[in-house]
N, C-alpha and C. Protein backbone atom coordinates (compact mmCIF):
# COMPACT_ATOMS: atom_id res chain seq x y z
N MET A 1 0.69 -1.26 0.15
CA MET A 1 0.14 0.14 0.02
C MET A 1 0.83 1.35 0.27
N PRO A 2 0.57 2.48 -1.02
CA PRO A 2 1.41 3.46 -1.03
C PRO A 2 1.18 4.16 0.44
N ARG A 3 2.40 4.96 0.89
CA ARG A 3 2.59 5.18 2.19
C ARG A 3 1.48 6.65 2.45
N ASN A 4 1.47 7.12 1.17
CA ASN A 4 0.12 8.19 1.48
C ASN A 4 -1.12 7.77 1.50
N VAL A 5 -1.81 6.33 1.15
CA VAL A 5 -2.99 6.07 1.17
C VAL A 5 -2.94 5.58 2.33
N GLY A 6 -1.94 4.86 2.92
CA GLY A 6 -2.30 4.62 4.61
C GLY A 6 -2.37 5.91 5.63
N ALA A 7 -1.78 6.75 5.26
CA ALA A 7 -1.93 8.00 6.09
C ALA A 7 -3.47 8.38 5.95
N ILE A 8 -3.97 8.42 4.82
CA ILE A 8 -5.24 9.06 4.70
C ILE A 8 -6.32 8.05 5.44
N ILE A 9 -6.15 6.98 5.58
CA ILE A 9 -6.84 5.75 6.00
C ILE A 9 -6.53 6.08 7.67
N MET A 10 -5.35 6.18 8.28
CA MET A 10 -4.88 6.33 9.54
C MET A 10 -5.79 7.54 9.81
N GLY A 11 -5.90 8.87 9.26
CA GLY A 11 -6.17 10.00 9.32
C GLY A 11 -8.13 9.86 9.63
N THR A 12 -8.22 9.01 8.63
CA THR A 12 -9.86 8.93 8.77
C THR A 12 -10.63 8.24 9.91
N GLU A 13 -9.57 7.18 10.11
CA GLU A 13 -9.71 6.57 11.47
C GLU A 13 -9.80 7.23 12.62
N ARG A 14 -8.87 7.92 12.66
CA ARG A 14 -8.48 9.08 13.70
C ARG A 14 -9.83 9.66 13.86
N ALA A 15 -10.15 10.34 12.84
CA ALA A 15 -11.38 11.25 12.90
C ALA A 15 -12.71 10.51 13.10
N TYR A 16 -12.98 9.40 12.50
CA TYR A 16 -14.04 8.84 12.94
C TYR A 16 -13.99 8.73 14.44
N LEU A 17 -12.98 7.99 15.18
CA LEU A 17 -13.02 7.51 16.52
C LEU A 17 -12.78 9.03 17.68
N GLN A 18 -12.45 9.92 16.77
CA GLN A 18 -12.62 11.36 17.70
C GLN A 18 -14.29 11.89 17.27
N ASN A 19 -14.92 11.64 16.55
CA ASN A 19 -16.12 12.01 16.58
C ASN A 19 -17.26 10.71 17.41
N ILE A 20 -16.52 9.59 17.26
CA ILE A 20 -17.28 8.67 17.89
C ILE A 20 -17.24 8.82 19.63
N HIS A 21 -16.32 9.24 20.14
CA HIS A 21 -15.75 9.78 21.40
C HIS A 21 -16.78 10.73 22.07
N ALA A 22 -16.54 11.78 21.12
CA ALA A 22 -17.51 12.88 21.32
C ALA A 22 -18.94 12.87 21.43
N ASP A 23 -19.54 11.90 20.82
CA ASP A 23 -20.88 11.57 20.72
C ASP A 23 -21.03 10.95 22.00
N ALA A 24 -20.31 10.06 22.26
CA ALA A 24 -20.41 8.80 23.19
C ALA A 24 -20.33 9.77 24.49
N ALA A 25 -19.40 10.88 24.40
CA ALA A 25 -19.42 11.79 25.96
C ALA A 25 -20.93 12.53 25.99
N ASP A 26 -21.25 12.95 24.91
CA ASP A 26 -22.70 13.75 25.31
C ASP A 26 -23.47 12.85 25.46
N THR A 27 -23.64 11.89 24.76
CA THR A 27 -24.73 10.53 25.00
C THR A 27 -24.77 10.31 26.64
N LEU A 28 -23.60 9.98 27.21
CA LEU A 28 -23.58 9.49 28.50
C LEU A 28 -24.04 10.91 29.40
N GLN A 29 -23.53 11.91 28.95
CA GLN A 29 -24.15 13.04 29.92
C GLN A 29 -25.42 13.22 30.00
N TYR A 30 -25.92 13.37 28.34
CA TYR A 30 -27.57 13.06 28.43
C TYR A 30 -28.14 12.12 29.55
N LEU A 31 -27.40 10.92 29.91
CA LEU A 31 -27.91 9.43 30.70
C LEU A 31 -27.60 10.04 31.92
N THR A 32 -27.08 11.61 32.19
CA THR A 32 -27.11 11.09 33.65
C THR A 32 -28.18 11.51 34.66
N ASP A 33 -28.42 11.53 35.83
CA ASP A 33 -29.30 11.90 36.95
C ASP A 33 -29.85 13.26 36.53
N LYS A 34 -29.04 14.60 36.11
CA LYS A 34 -29.35 15.67 36.21
C LYS A 34 -30.11 15.78 34.77
N CYS A 35 -29.66 14.72 33.71
CA CYS A 35 -30.81 15.13 32.48
C CYS A 35 -32.01 14.24 32.30
N LYS A 36 -32.44 13.43 33.65
CA LYS A 36 -33.21 13.19 33.75
C LYS A 36 -35.05 13.74 33.21
N PRO A 37 -35.15 15.13 33.50
CA PRO A 37 -36.39 15.72 33.27
C PRO A 37 -36.30 15.86 31.78
N GLU A 38 -34.97 16.15 30.95
CA GLU A 38 -34.97 16.22 29.62
C GLU A 38 -35.05 15.11 28.77
N ARG A 39 -34.91 13.84 29.54
CA ARG A 39 -34.95 12.60 28.96
C ARG A 39 -36.58 12.04 28.60
N GLU A 40 -37.27 12.55 29.82
CA GLU A 40 -38.50 12.53 30.15
C GLU A 40 -39.22 13.14 29.15
N ARG A 41 -38.84 14.44 29.04
CA ARG A 41 -39.65 15.17 28.26
C ARG A 41 -39.39 14.44 26.69
N ALA A 42 -38.36 14.29 26.16
CA ALA A 42 -38.32 13.50 25.06
C ALA A 42 -39.09 12.64 24.57
N VAL A 43 -39.51 11.52 25.68
CA VAL A 43 -39.97 10.35 25.48
C VAL A 43 -41.39 11.10 25.16
N VAL A 44 -42.14 11.84 26.03
CA VAL A 44 -43.59 12.55 25.79
C VAL A 44 -43.76 13.06 24.21
N ARG A 45 -42.40 13.63 23.93
CA ARG A 45 -42.12 14.51 22.38
C ARG A 45 -42.76 13.36 21.36
N ALA A 46 -41.54 12.03 21.82
CA ALA A 46 -41.53 11.08 20.75
C ALA A 46 -43.31 10.49 20.62
N PHE A 47 -43.74 10.15 22.10
CA PHE A 47 -44.87 9.51 21.48
C PHE A 47 -45.99 10.35 21.27
N LEU A 48 -46.20 11.64 21.83
CA LEU A 48 -46.61 12.42 20.69
C LEU A 48 -46.85 12.30 19.20
N ARG A 49 -45.63 12.65 18.85
CA ARG A 49 -45.32 12.40 17.37
C ARG A 49 -46.25 11.46 16.96
N CYS A 50 -45.62 9.86 17.54
CA CYS A 50 -45.96 8.97 17.11
C CYS A 50 -47.35 8.67 16.92
N ILE A 51 -48.81 9.04 17.85
CA ILE A 51 -49.86 9.11 17.88
C ILE A 51 -50.20 10.38 16.93
N GLY A 52 -49.93 11.54 16.36
CA GLY A 52 -49.98 12.39 16.04
C GLY A 52 -50.73 13.56 16.49
N VAL A 53 -50.41 13.83 17.55
CA VAL A 53 -50.96 14.93 18.19
C VAL A 53 -49.68 16.17 18.11
N THR A 54 -50.38 17.22 17.61
CA THR A 54 -49.67 18.34 17.34
C THR A 54 -49.26 18.91 18.81
N PHE A 55 -48.30 19.80 18.84
CA PHE A 55 -47.73 20.66 20.29
C PHE A 55 -46.70 21.33 19.94
N VAL A 56 -46.74 22.51 21.00
CA VAL A 56 -45.47 23.21 20.94
C VAL A 56 -44.60 22.83 22.11
N GLU A 57 -43.37 23.21 21.97
CA GLU A 57 -42.42 22.53 23.11
C GLU A 57 -43.02 23.36 24.52
N SER A 58 -43.17 24.43 24.61
CA SER A 58 -43.43 24.79 25.86
C SER A 58 -44.92 24.15 26.50
N GLU A 59 -45.39 23.34 25.90
CA GLU A 59 -46.87 22.77 26.38
C GLU A 59 -46.10 21.09 27.37
N ILE A 60 -45.23 20.91 27.11
CA ILE A 60 -44.52 19.57 27.26
C ILE A 60 -43.65 19.98 28.79
N VAL A 61 -44.08 20.11 29.83
CA VAL A 61 -43.91 20.81 31.05
C VAL A 61 -42.57 19.59 31.84
N ALA A 62 -41.63 19.69 32.26
CA ALA A 62 -41.00 18.75 33.40
C ALA A 62 -39.89 19.78 34.15
N PRO A 63 -39.39 19.35 35.42
CA PRO A 63 -40.20 18.57 36.20
C PRO A 63 -41.46 19.24 36.68
N SER A 64 -42.16 18.22 36.82
CA SER A 64 -43.38 18.62 37.81
C SER A 64 -43.38 17.98 39.27
N SER A 65 -44.57 18.42 39.93
CA SER A 65 -44.34 17.86 41.44
C SER A 65 -44.63 16.02 41.22
N GLU A 66 -43.82 15.48 42.01
CA GLU A 66 -44.05 14.09 41.95
C GLU A 66 -45.23 13.87 42.57
N PRO A 67 -45.81 12.61 41.73
CA PRO A 67 -45.58 11.68 41.29
C PRO A 67 -45.35 11.90 39.54
N VAL A 68 -45.69 13.03 39.28
CA VAL A 68 -46.07 13.76 37.50
C VAL A 68 -44.47 13.64 37.22
N ASP A 69 -44.05 12.94 36.23
CA ASP A 69 -42.78 13.36 35.43
C ASP A 69 -43.11 14.15 34.41
N VAL A 70 -44.03 14.35 33.96
CA VAL A 70 -43.89 15.42 32.71
C VAL A 70 -45.82 15.71 32.32
N SER A 71 -46.28 16.88 32.42
CA SER A 71 -47.10 17.29 32.29
C SER A 71 -47.24 17.77 30.89
N PHE A 72 -48.64 17.24 30.11
CA PHE A 72 -49.00 17.93 28.88
C PHE A 72 -50.46 18.08 28.64
N HIS A 73 -50.78 19.56 29.02
CA HIS A 73 -52.29 19.75 28.96
C HIS A 73 -52.61 18.73 30.11
N ASP A 74 -53.85 18.03 30.29
CA ASP A 74 -54.44 17.78 31.41
C ASP A 74 -53.97 16.43 31.48
N ALA A 75 -52.81 15.95 30.75
CA ALA A 75 -51.91 14.59 31.05
C ALA A 75 -51.00 14.64 31.83
N ARG A 76 -51.05 13.67 32.96
CA ARG A 76 -50.24 13.78 34.02
C ARG A 76 -49.33 12.29 33.72
N PHE A 77 -47.85 12.46 33.30
CA PHE A 77 -47.28 11.35 32.95
C PHE A 77 -46.53 11.03 33.59
N GLN A 78 -46.38 9.77 34.30
CA GLN A 78 -45.34 8.82 34.98
C GLN A 78 -44.29 8.36 33.85
N VAL A 79 -43.44 8.11 33.44
CA VAL A 79 -42.44 7.33 32.72
C VAL A 79 -41.83 6.56 33.32
N ARG A 80 -41.94 5.64 32.62
CA ARG A 80 -41.25 4.24 32.70
C ARG A 80 -40.18 3.61 31.53
N GLU A 81 -39.22 3.23 31.47
CA GLU A 81 -38.21 2.90 30.41
C GLU A 81 -38.31 1.58 30.59
N ILE A 82 -38.44 0.31 29.20
CA ILE A 82 -37.98 -0.90 29.54
C ILE A 82 -36.81 -1.08 28.99
N LEU A 83 -35.60 -2.00 28.91
CA LEU A 83 -34.57 -2.24 28.54
C LEU A 83 -34.74 -3.96 28.73
N GLN A 84 -33.74 -4.49 28.04
CA GLN A 84 -33.49 -6.20 27.85
C GLN A 84 -33.06 -6.51 29.10
N GLN A 85 -33.45 -7.37 29.45
CA GLN A 85 -33.00 -8.01 30.85
C GLN A 85 -31.47 -8.18 30.90
N GLY A 86 -30.87 -7.09 31.92
CA GLY A 86 -29.31 -7.43 32.00
C GLY A 86 -28.64 -6.52 31.09
N ARG A 87 -29.49 -5.56 30.53
CA ARG A 87 -28.73 -4.41 29.72
C ARG A 87 -29.05 -2.97 30.80
N ARG A 88 -28.13 -2.65 30.74
CA ARG A 88 -28.07 -1.13 31.55
C ARG A 88 -28.42 0.14 30.60
N ARG A 89 -28.61 1.21 31.26
CA ARG A 89 -28.51 2.21 29.92
C ARG A 89 -27.14 3.01 30.25
N GLY A 90 -26.99 3.12 28.56
CA GLY A 90 -25.81 3.90 28.60
C GLY A 90 -24.44 2.49 28.16
N ASP A 91 -24.63 1.65 28.23
CA ASP A 91 -23.79 0.12 28.11
C ASP A 91 -23.07 0.26 26.80
N GLU A 92 -23.93 0.71 25.97
CA GLU A 92 -23.17 0.86 24.42
C GLU A 92 -22.11 1.96 24.05
N TRP A 93 -22.87 3.03 24.90
CA TRP A 93 -21.84 4.25 24.59
C TRP A 93 -20.65 4.20 25.65
N LYS A 94 -20.81 3.42 26.59
CA LYS A 94 -19.55 3.58 27.38
C LYS A 94 -18.52 2.50 26.61
N LEU A 95 -18.96 1.45 25.89
CA LEU A 95 -18.05 0.58 24.93
C LEU A 95 -17.57 1.34 23.70
N LYS A 96 -18.29 2.62 23.11
CA LYS A 96 -17.69 3.22 22.15
C LYS A 96 -17.20 4.57 22.67
N ALA A 97 -17.31 4.87 24.03
CA ALA A 97 -16.35 5.88 24.40
C ALA A 97 -15.15 5.65 25.01
N ARG A 98 -14.42 4.09 24.88
CA ARG A 98 -13.51 3.42 25.20
C ARG A 98 -12.84 2.62 24.08
N ALA A 99 -13.38 2.84 22.62
CA ALA A 99 -13.02 2.38 21.50
C ALA A 99 -12.01 2.87 21.19
N GLN A 100 -10.66 1.79 20.88
CA GLN A 100 -9.37 2.32 20.49
C GLN A 100 -9.08 2.14 18.61
N SER A 101 -10.38 1.95 18.19
CA SER A 101 -10.31 1.12 16.68
C SER A 101 -11.63 1.48 15.91
N MET A 102 -11.92 1.34 15.01
CA MET A 102 -13.25 1.55 14.41
C MET A 102 -13.72 -0.07 14.48
N ASN A 103 -13.19 -0.96 14.69
CA ASN A 103 -13.71 -2.31 14.72
C ASN A 103 -14.49 -2.48 16.02
N ASP A 104 -13.59 -1.65 17.41
CA ASP A 104 -14.10 -1.44 18.51
C ASP A 104 -15.61 -0.93 18.81
N ALA A 105 -15.76 0.05 17.53
CA ALA A 105 -16.93 1.09 17.97
C ALA A 105 -18.39 0.11 17.15
N ILE A 106 -17.61 -0.59 16.21
CA ILE A 106 -19.13 -1.37 15.17
C ILE A 106 -19.62 -2.54 15.99
N VAL A 107 -21.05 -1.94 15.68
CA VAL A 107 -21.81 -2.93 16.66
C VAL A 107 -22.36 -4.01 15.85
N THR A 108 -22.51 -5.31 16.01
CA THR A 108 -22.44 -6.41 15.32
C THR A 108 -24.28 -6.73 14.89
N TRP A 109 -24.08 -6.46 13.61
CA TRP A 109 -25.83 -6.84 13.32
C TRP A 109 -26.58 -7.94 13.66
N ASN A 110 -27.12 -8.24 13.90
CA ASN A 110 -28.01 -9.50 14.38
C ASN A 110 -29.56 -8.99 13.60
N PRO A 111 -30.20 -10.21 13.16
CA PRO A 111 -31.33 -10.01 12.25
C PRO A 111 -32.56 -9.69 13.44
N PRO A 112 -33.31 -9.13 13.18
CA PRO A 112 -34.59 -8.42 14.29
C PRO A 112 -35.32 -9.51 14.61
N THR A 113 -35.64 -9.41 16.11
CA THR A 113 -36.36 -10.36 16.37
C THR A 113 -38.17 -10.02 16.84
N PRO A 114 -39.08 -10.29 15.71
CA PRO A 114 -40.38 -9.69 15.92
C PRO A 114 -40.89 -9.99 17.15
N MET A 115 -41.97 -8.91 17.48
CA MET A 115 -42.61 -8.68 18.75
C MET A 115 -43.88 -8.90 18.80
N SER A 116 -44.71 -9.44 19.26
CA SER A 116 -46.33 -9.12 19.26
C SER A 116 -46.76 -8.21 20.21
N ALA A 117 -47.78 -7.54 19.91
CA ALA A 117 -48.58 -6.59 20.82
C ALA A 117 -48.75 -7.00 21.92
N GLU A 118 -49.14 -8.74 21.80
CA GLU A 118 -49.64 -9.14 22.93
C GLU A 118 -48.43 -9.63 23.76
N ASP A 119 -47.43 -9.86 23.25
CA ASP A 119 -46.24 -9.81 24.32
C ASP A 119 -46.02 -8.66 24.58
N LEU A 120 -45.83 -7.99 23.83
CA LEU A 120 -45.92 -6.21 24.46
C LEU A 120 -46.63 -5.92 25.71
N THR A 121 -48.13 -6.09 25.64
CA THR A 121 -48.53 -5.81 26.63
C THR A 121 -48.44 -6.29 27.79
N LEU A 122 -47.95 -7.70 27.77
CA LEU A 122 -47.40 -8.21 29.52
C LEU A 122 -46.04 -7.80 29.73
N GLU A 123 -44.96 -7.34 28.96
CA GLU A 123 -43.88 -6.75 29.15
C GLU A 123 -44.32 -5.58 29.98
N VAL A 124 -45.09 -4.97 29.46
CA VAL A 124 -45.74 -3.40 29.96
C VAL A 124 -45.98 -3.13 31.26
N THR A 125 -46.81 -4.25 31.12
CA THR A 125 -47.77 -4.77 32.87
C THR A 125 -46.90 -4.83 33.75
N GLN A 126 -46.02 -5.88 33.38
CA GLN A 126 -45.14 -6.06 34.30
C GLN A 126 -43.66 -5.00 34.92
N ALA A 127 -43.69 -4.28 33.73
CA ALA A 127 -42.82 -3.08 33.94
C ALA A 127 -43.37 -2.34 35.13
N LEU A 128 -44.53 -1.82 34.60
CA LEU A 128 -45.21 -0.90 35.55
C LEU A 128 -45.76 -1.73 36.87
N ASP A 129 -45.72 -2.61 37.54
CA ASP A 129 -45.99 -3.22 38.58
C ASP A 129 -45.46 -2.51 39.66
N GLU A 130 -44.36 -2.46 39.48
CA GLU A 130 -43.42 -1.96 40.93
C GLU A 130 -43.63 -0.33 41.11
N LYS A 131 -43.82 0.20 40.33
CA LYS A 131 -44.59 1.56 40.22
C LYS A 131 -45.89 1.62 40.73
N ALA A 132 -46.59 0.88 40.38
CA ALA A 132 -48.08 0.84 40.83
C ALA A 132 -48.27 0.66 42.40
N GLN A 133 -47.38 -0.51 42.78
CA GLN A 133 -47.43 -0.64 44.31
C GLN A 133 -46.46 0.35 45.16
N LYS A 134 -45.96 0.95 44.36
CA LYS A 134 -45.30 2.38 44.57
C LYS A 134 -46.32 3.39 45.10
N TYR A 135 -47.15 3.56 44.40
CA TYR A 135 -48.02 4.92 44.35
C TYR A 135 -49.14 4.72 44.88
N GLY A 136 -49.69 2.94 44.65
CA GLY A 136 -50.95 3.07 45.15
C GLY A 136 -52.41 3.32 44.54
N ARG A 137 -53.33 2.58 44.50
CA ARG A 137 -53.88 3.03 43.33
C ARG A 137 -54.83 4.25 43.63
N SER A 138 -54.91 5.01 44.79
CA SER A 138 -55.23 6.21 44.83
C SER A 138 -54.83 7.18 43.60
N GLN A 139 -53.23 7.13 43.86
CA GLN A 139 -52.43 7.97 42.73
C GLN A 139 -52.19 7.53 41.54
N CYS A 140 -52.29 6.25 41.23
CA CYS A 140 -52.45 5.58 39.80
C CYS A 140 -53.58 6.14 39.29
N SER A 141 -54.73 6.31 40.14
CA SER A 141 -56.09 6.62 39.38
C SER A 141 -55.60 7.81 38.75
N ARG A 142 -55.08 8.54 39.17
CA ARG A 142 -55.08 10.29 38.83
C ARG A 142 -53.21 10.04 37.60
N LEU A 143 -52.69 9.00 37.32
CA LEU A 143 -51.78 9.29 36.50
C LEU A 143 -51.82 8.73 35.23
N ASP A 144 -51.15 8.90 34.57
CA ASP A 144 -51.08 8.52 32.41
C ASP A 144 -50.12 7.98 32.67
N ALA A 145 -49.86 6.84 32.75
CA ALA A 145 -48.40 6.15 32.68
C ALA A 145 -47.85 5.76 31.22
N LEU A 146 -46.58 6.21 30.97
CA LEU A 146 -46.16 6.38 30.07
C LEU A 146 -44.45 5.18 29.74
N VAL A 147 -44.47 4.53 28.76
CA VAL A 147 -43.75 3.45 28.98
C VAL A 147 -42.55 3.61 27.42
N TYR A 148 -41.70 3.91 27.86
CA TYR A 148 -40.60 3.83 26.92
C TYR A 148 -40.15 2.59 26.31
N VAL A 149 -40.25 1.78 25.30
CA VAL A 149 -39.96 0.44 25.39
C VAL A 149 -38.43 0.55 24.32
N ASN A 150 -37.14 0.44 24.97
CA ASN A 150 -36.28 0.86 24.35
C ASN A 150 -35.23 -0.89 24.42
N LEU A 151 -35.68 -1.37 23.39
CA LEU A 151 -35.36 -2.67 23.50
C LEU A 151 -34.07 -3.14 22.21
N THR A 152 -33.70 -1.84 21.76
CA THR A 152 -32.52 -1.64 20.61
C THR A 152 -33.66 -2.43 19.18
N LEU A 153 -32.46 -2.17 18.20
CA LEU A 153 -32.90 -2.30 16.68
C LEU A 153 -32.95 -3.82 16.62
N THR A 154 -33.00 -5.06 17.40
CA THR A 154 -32.57 -6.47 17.46
C THR A 154 -33.95 -6.92 17.62
N ASN A 155 -35.02 -5.84 18.35
CA ASN A 155 -36.09 -6.16 18.46
C ASN A 155 -37.06 -5.14 17.88
N VAL A 156 -38.31 -5.80 16.99
CA VAL A 156 -39.26 -4.99 16.36
C VAL A 156 -40.36 -5.63 16.41
N LEU A 157 -41.53 -4.39 16.38
CA LEU A 157 -43.17 -4.92 17.12
C LEU A 157 -43.62 -5.10 15.46
N ARG A 158 -44.36 -6.04 15.76
CA ARG A 158 -45.44 -6.36 14.63
C ARG A 158 -47.18 -5.99 14.68
N PRO A 159 -46.99 -4.76 14.15
CA PRO A 159 -47.83 -3.85 14.32
C PRO A 159 -49.67 -4.49 14.03
N ASP A 160 -49.20 -5.74 13.42
CA ASP A 160 -50.55 -6.34 12.68
C ASP A 160 -51.22 -7.38 13.50
N THR A 161 -50.88 -7.79 15.06
CA THR A 161 -50.79 -8.49 15.67
C THR A 161 -52.03 -7.65 16.99
N ALA A 162 -52.65 -8.87 17.55
CA ALA A 162 -53.81 -8.10 18.57
C ALA A 162 -52.94 -7.38 19.86
N LEU A 163 -53.73 -6.35 20.61
CA LEU A 163 -52.96 -6.49 21.89
C LEU A 163 -53.57 -7.22 22.80
N GLY A 164 -52.79 -7.67 23.66
CA GLY A 164 -52.69 -8.08 24.66
C GLY A 164 -53.84 -7.91 25.92
N ASN A 165 -54.22 -8.95 26.93
CA ASN A 165 -55.25 -8.42 27.75
C ASN A 165 -54.89 -7.45 28.63
N THR A 166 -55.61 -6.23 29.13
CA THR A 166 -54.82 -5.40 29.84
C THR A 166 -55.69 -5.44 31.11
N ALA A 167 -56.00 -6.53 31.55
CA ALA A 167 -56.74 -6.56 33.10
C ALA A 167 -55.92 -6.20 33.89
N GLY A 168 -54.67 -7.02 33.83
CA GLY A 168 -53.23 -6.64 34.62
C GLY A 168 -53.24 -5.07 35.20
N LEU A 169 -52.90 -4.21 33.58
CA LEU A 169 -53.10 -2.84 33.66
C LEU A 169 -54.47 -2.35 34.64
N ALA A 170 -55.53 -2.78 34.31
CA ALA A 170 -56.56 -2.05 35.21
C ALA A 170 -56.76 -2.46 36.50
N ALA A 171 -56.08 -3.54 36.98
CA ALA A 171 -55.83 -3.90 38.39
C ALA A 171 -54.68 -3.22 38.74
N GLN A 172 -54.03 -2.38 38.46
CA GLN A 172 -52.99 -1.49 38.74
C GLN A 172 -53.66 -0.18 38.98
N ALA A 173 -54.65 0.08 38.26
CA ALA A 173 -55.52 1.28 38.48
C ALA A 173 -55.46 2.72 38.22
N TRP A 174 -53.90 2.44 36.88
CA TRP A 174 -53.67 3.70 36.11
C TRP A 174 -54.58 4.40 35.42
N ARG A 175 -54.81 5.64 35.25
CA ARG A 175 -55.83 6.50 34.85
C ARG A 175 -55.77 6.28 33.32
N SER A 176 -54.42 6.08 32.66
CA SER A 176 -54.06 5.49 31.25
C SER A 176 -52.79 4.99 31.01
N VAL A 177 -52.58 4.38 30.16
CA VAL A 177 -51.69 3.16 29.92
C VAL A 177 -51.24 3.43 28.85
N SER A 178 -50.24 4.26 28.04
CA SER A 178 -49.62 4.15 26.89
C SER A 178 -48.25 3.80 26.67
N LEU A 179 -47.78 3.48 25.18
CA LEU A 179 -46.23 3.21 25.13
C LEU A 179 -45.96 4.04 23.83
N VAL A 180 -44.59 3.89 23.54
CA VAL A 180 -43.69 4.62 22.43
C VAL A 180 -42.88 3.06 22.22
N PHE A 181 -42.88 2.88 21.03
CA PHE A 181 -42.14 1.63 20.69
C PHE A 181 -41.71 2.06 19.34
N PRO A 182 -40.54 3.14 19.13
CA PRO A 182 -40.27 3.73 17.86
C PRO A 182 -40.28 2.81 17.03
N PRO A 183 -40.88 3.20 15.66
CA PRO A 183 -41.92 4.50 15.36
C PRO A 183 -43.16 4.34 15.57
N TYR A 184 -43.60 3.05 16.87
CA TYR A 184 -45.33 3.11 17.05
C TYR A 184 -45.43 3.74 18.49
N GLY A 185 -46.65 4.39 18.32
CA GLY A 185 -47.21 4.51 19.66
C GLY A 185 -48.66 4.16 19.84
N ILE A 186 -49.14 3.78 21.11
CA ILE A 186 -49.95 2.99 21.19
C ILE A 186 -50.71 3.09 22.63
N VAL A 187 -51.77 3.65 22.75
CA VAL A 187 -52.72 3.84 24.03
C VAL A 187 -53.47 2.12 24.39
N LEU A 188 -52.55 1.71 25.42
CA LEU A 188 -53.32 0.36 25.76
C LEU A 188 -54.56 0.25 26.65
N SER A 189 -55.06 1.43 27.33
CA SER A 189 -55.98 1.36 28.21
C SER A 189 -56.01 3.11 28.62
N ALA A 190 -57.27 3.54 29.01
CA ALA A 190 -57.81 4.72 29.23
C ALA A 190 -59.40 4.74 30.09
N THR A 191 -59.05 5.36 31.35
CA THR A 191 -60.36 5.52 31.75
C THR A 191 -61.29 6.36 31.45
N CYS A 192 -62.78 6.75 31.84
CA CYS A 192 -63.32 7.94 31.36
C CYS A 192 -62.48 9.14 31.69
N ASP A 193 -61.77 8.81 32.90
CA ASP A 193 -61.18 10.14 33.63
C ASP A 193 -60.06 10.65 32.78
N ALA A 194 -59.43 9.68 31.77
CA ALA A 194 -58.37 10.10 31.00
C ALA A 194 -58.53 11.30 29.92
N PRO A 195 -57.14 12.04 29.81
CA PRO A 195 -57.57 13.04 28.85
C PRO A 195 -57.84 12.31 27.45
N GLY A 196 -58.74 12.91 26.66
CA GLY A 196 -59.68 12.65 25.89
C GLY A 196 -58.90 12.56 24.62
N PHE A 197 -57.87 12.71 24.63
CA PHE A 197 -56.96 12.43 23.15
C PHE A 197 -56.28 11.25 23.31
N LEU A 198 -56.21 10.73 24.68
CA LEU A 198 -55.89 9.21 24.79
C LEU A 198 -57.20 8.08 24.66
N GLN A 199 -58.25 8.77 25.18
CA GLN A 199 -59.43 8.35 25.11
C GLN A 199 -59.64 7.58 23.69
N GLN A 200 -59.40 8.35 22.85
CA GLN A 200 -59.91 8.25 21.62
C GLN A 200 -59.01 7.43 20.94
N LEU A 201 -57.87 7.03 21.28
CA LEU A 201 -56.65 6.13 20.48
C LEU A 201 -56.67 4.56 21.44
N ILE A 202 -57.56 4.60 22.21
CA ILE A 202 -57.20 3.14 22.50
C ILE A 202 -57.25 1.93 21.74
N GLY A 203 -56.30 1.57 21.76
CA GLY A 203 -56.25 -0.40 21.09
C GLY A 203 -55.52 0.27 19.58
N ARG A 204 -55.17 1.57 19.13
CA ARG A 204 -55.04 1.91 18.06
C ARG A 204 -53.10 1.62 17.91
N VAL A 205 -52.57 1.02 17.00
CA VAL A 205 -51.11 1.35 16.91
C VAL A 205 -51.09 2.33 15.91
N ARG A 206 -50.32 3.55 16.04
CA ARG A 206 -50.37 4.90 15.61
C ARG A 206 -48.69 4.90 14.92
N MET A 207 -48.77 5.19 13.83
CA MET A 207 -47.29 5.42 13.21
C MET A 207 -47.24 6.82 12.48
N GLU A 208 -47.42 7.93 12.91
CA GLU A 208 -47.42 9.55 12.36
C GLU A 208 -46.54 10.36 12.10
N TRP A 209 -45.08 9.72 12.43
CA TRP A 209 -43.80 10.68 12.19
C TRP A 209 -42.81 9.89 11.20
N SER A 210 -42.81 10.36 10.31
CA SER A 210 -41.99 10.00 9.60
C SER A 210 -40.28 9.55 9.38
N ASN A 211 -39.89 10.34 10.21
CA ASN A 211 -38.31 10.09 10.20
C ASN A 211 -37.93 9.68 11.59
N VAL A 212 -38.12 8.53 11.90
CA VAL A 212 -37.76 8.03 13.41
C VAL A 212 -36.44 8.74 14.25
N ASN A 213 -35.46 9.42 13.10
CA ASN A 213 -34.55 9.64 13.90
C ASN A 213 -34.42 10.80 14.32
N GLU A 214 -35.36 11.64 14.10
CA GLU A 214 -36.25 12.70 14.82
C GLU A 214 -36.89 12.74 15.72
N LEU A 215 -37.63 11.60 16.21
CA LEU A 215 -38.48 11.43 16.66
C LEU A 215 -38.26 11.88 18.11
N PHE A 216 -37.37 11.75 18.86
CA PHE A 216 -37.07 12.53 20.44
C PHE A 216 -36.41 13.96 20.32
N ASP A 217 -36.31 14.48 18.96
CA ASP A 217 -35.40 15.51 18.98
C ASP A 217 -36.37 16.82 19.43
N VAL A 218 -36.01 17.86 20.03
CA VAL A 218 -36.69 19.15 19.92
C VAL A 218 -37.11 19.81 18.65
């Protein structure tokens, strides 16, 4: 290989790693407790876009008084994130922050695993159980649970499958339960006291935002 070609390749790799390290540092900072309110606002932002509800940024308010994480009009969202078992938030970015070569920063591609809406309903029910016990039926009846399903690109939702049994969510007594599983948003359940825009979308899998890469962005 000519010497100048090797230098170009080395320079390209160095620049690539610098960008990866900078992105990793920014992302890990975003994942700290200090930025929790902004992350929760981003989840609500993504959910509203998925279900086709228009908004202006000032309408998505956080932090609110506990146990409300984010408020939007009359919605009082309590936000929960689902990760794969054994996976911790930021693990992938910590690996990228330590990358010493392009190979270290490359994520191995695996074929996606389809997930039925029925299985997803069960996952959401289980994920909310601890919060339901923490807040109790009285508080849950005034809260709109919103679950961010963050299962990486190896899991994809099969939107043509039927939603599962929501009796477990009803037993937890949430005013409403919704989820965002990019690029989809779903309202799983809503009582007659829930915000109207949630009641209107019960059981409907919505995908109203065209660019999933901008789903969470301001």
